[in-house]
Amino acid sequence: MFKKIIAPVQAWLLSQGKCVGCGRSLKKGKRESRQDKTEKVTCSCGRIFIHNQGTGRYRRALFEEV
């Protein structure tokens, strides 16, 4: 039940380019380039995201990508 409430809010935050934990802009995060035209973005709160430069969208990083 809790996940049904939280998931849409997190999806909305990511669509706005904000961290799902602290709400800060992911543009201010630490960026590392990757080979597959994506960037690994680390927020100041420690959460890790992947930014697809082609589409301009963010997503949470998988465990293997960390």
C-alpha atoms as a PDB file:
ATOM      1  CA  MET A   1       0.000   0.000   0.000  1.00  0.00           C
ATOM      2  CA  PHE A   2       2.777   2.421   0.910  1.00  0.00           C
ATOM      3  CA  LYS A   3       4.554   1.789  -2.381  1.00  0.00           C
ATOM      4  CA  LYS A   4       1.409   2.699  -4.356  1.00  0.00           C
ATOM      5  CA  ILE A   5       1.446   6.134  -2.744  1.00  0.00           C
ATOM      6  CA  ILE A   6       5.199   6.815  -2.926  1.00  0.00           C
ATOM      7  CA  ALA A   7       5.965   5.571  -6.473  1.00  0.00           C
ATOM      8  CA  PRO A   8       3.985   8.252  -8.373  1.00  0.00           C
ATOM      9  CA  VAL A   9       5.527  11.011  -6.266  1.00  0.00           C
ATOM     10  CA  GLN A  10       9.038   9.700  -6.950  1.00  0.00           C
ATOM     11  CA  ALA A  11       8.293   9.425 -10.678  1.00  0.00           C
ATOM     12  CA  TRP A  12       7.078  13.022 -10.715  1.00  0.00           C
ATOM     13  CA  LEU A  13      10.216  14.234  -8.903  1.00  0.00           C
ATOM     14  CA  LEU A  14      12.457  12.419 -11.404  1.00  0.00           C
ATOM     15  CA  SER A  15      10.530  13.903 -14.327  1.00  0.00           C
ATOM     16  CA  GLN A  16      11.238  17.340 -12.835  1.00  0.00           C
ATOM     17  CA  GLY A  17      14.965  16.500 -12.513  1.00  0.00           C
ATOM     18  CA  LYS A  18      14.944  16.394  -8.710  1.00  0.00           C
ATOM     19  CA  CYS A  19      16.251  13.881  -6.194  1.00  0.00           C
ATOM     20  CA  VAL A  20      13.611  11.522  -4.779  1.00  0.00           C
ATOM     21  CA  GLY A  21      15.181  11.719  -1.315  1.00  0.00           C
ATOM     22  CA  CYS A  22      15.947  15.359  -0.641  1.00  0.00           C
ATOM     23  CA  GLY A  23      14.230  17.173  -3.537  1.00  0.00           C
ATOM     24  CA  ARG A  24      17.339  19.032  -4.683  1.00  0.00           C
ATOM     25  CA  SER A  25      17.992  19.624  -8.362  1.00  0.00           C
ATOM     26  CA  LEU A  26      20.082  16.865  -9.931  1.00  0.00           C
ATOM     27  CA  LYS A  27      21.851  19.476 -12.073  1.00  0.00           C
ATOM     28  CA  LYS A  28      23.866  20.364  -8.962  1.00  0.00           C
ATOM     29  CA  GLY A  29      24.986  16.767  -8.342  1.00  0.00           C
ATOM     30  CA  LYS A  30      28.419  15.301  -8.973  1.00  0.00           C
ATOM     31  CA  ARG A  31      28.604  13.964 -12.540  1.00  0.00           C
ATOM     32  CA  GLU A  32      30.736  11.203 -14.048  1.00  0.00           C
ATOM     33  CA  SER A  33      30.673  10.424 -17.771  1.00  0.00           C
ATOM     34  CA  ARG A  34      30.101   6.852 -18.921  1.00  0.00           C
ATOM     35  CA  GLN A  35      30.808   5.073 -22.206  1.00  0.00           C
ATOM     36  CA  ASP A  36      27.168   4.554 -23.231  1.00  0.00           C
ATOM     37  CA  LYS A  37      26.327   8.303 -23.562  1.00  0.00           C
ATOM     38  CA  THR A  38      24.941   8.515 -20.047  1.00  0.00           C
ATOM     39  CA  GLU A  39      26.126  10.222 -16.897  1.00  0.00           C
ATOM     40  CA  LYS A  40      26.241   8.915 -13.355  1.00  0.00           C
ATOM     41  CA  VAL A  41      24.900  11.654 -11.083  1.00  0.00           C
ATOM     42  CA  THR A  42      25.419  11.506  -7.321  1.00  0.00           C
ATOM     43  CA  CYS A  43      23.216  13.764  -5.230  1.00  0.00           C
ATOM     44  CA  SER A  44      24.526  15.414  -2.074  1.00  0.00           C
ATOM     45  CA  CYS A  45      22.330  13.054  -0.018  1.00  0.00           C
ATOM     46  CA  GLY A  46      24.134  10.039  -1.521  1.00  0.00           C
ATOM     47  CA  ARG A  47      21.533   8.684  -3.933  1.00  0.00           C
ATOM     48  CA  ILE A  48      22.850   7.721  -7.359  1.00  0.00           C
ATOM     49  CA  PHE A  49      21.016   8.390 -10.624  1.00  0.00           C
ATOM     50  CA  ILE A  50      21.675   7.787 -14.321  1.00  0.00           C
ATOM     51  CA  HIS A  51      21.072  10.685 -16.727  1.00  0.00           C
ATOM     52  CA  ASN A  52      20.376   9.741 -20.346  1.00  0.00           C
ATOM     53  CA  GLN A  53      21.797  12.609 -22.389  1.00  0.00           C
ATOM     54  CA  GLY A  54      19.823  11.675 -25.503  1.00  0.00           C
ATOM     55  CA  THR A  55      16.397  11.915 -23.885  1.00  0.00           C
ATOM     56  CA  GLY A  56      17.309  14.184 -20.966  1.00  0.00           C
ATOM     57  CA  ARG A  57      15.675  11.873 -18.403  1.00  0.00           C
ATOM     58  CA  TYR A  58      16.894  10.637 -15.044  1.00  0.00           C
ATOM     59  CA  ARG A  59      16.397   7.234 -13.410  1.00  0.00           C
ATOM     60  CA  ARG A  60      17.630   5.534 -10.272  1.00  0.00           C
ATOM     61  CA  ALA A  61      20.844   3.595 -10.795  1.00  0.00           C
ATOM     62  CA  LEU A  62      20.711  -0.184 -10.641  1.00  0.00           C
ATOM     63  CA  PHE A  63      22.890  -1.987  -8.120  1.00  0.00           C
ATOM     64  CA  GLU A  64      25.208  -3.201 -10.920  1.00  0.00           C
ATOM     65  CA  GLU A  65      25.737   0.361 -12.164  1.00  0.00           C
ATOM     66  CA  VAL A  66      26.968   1.704  -8.860  1.00  0.00           C
END
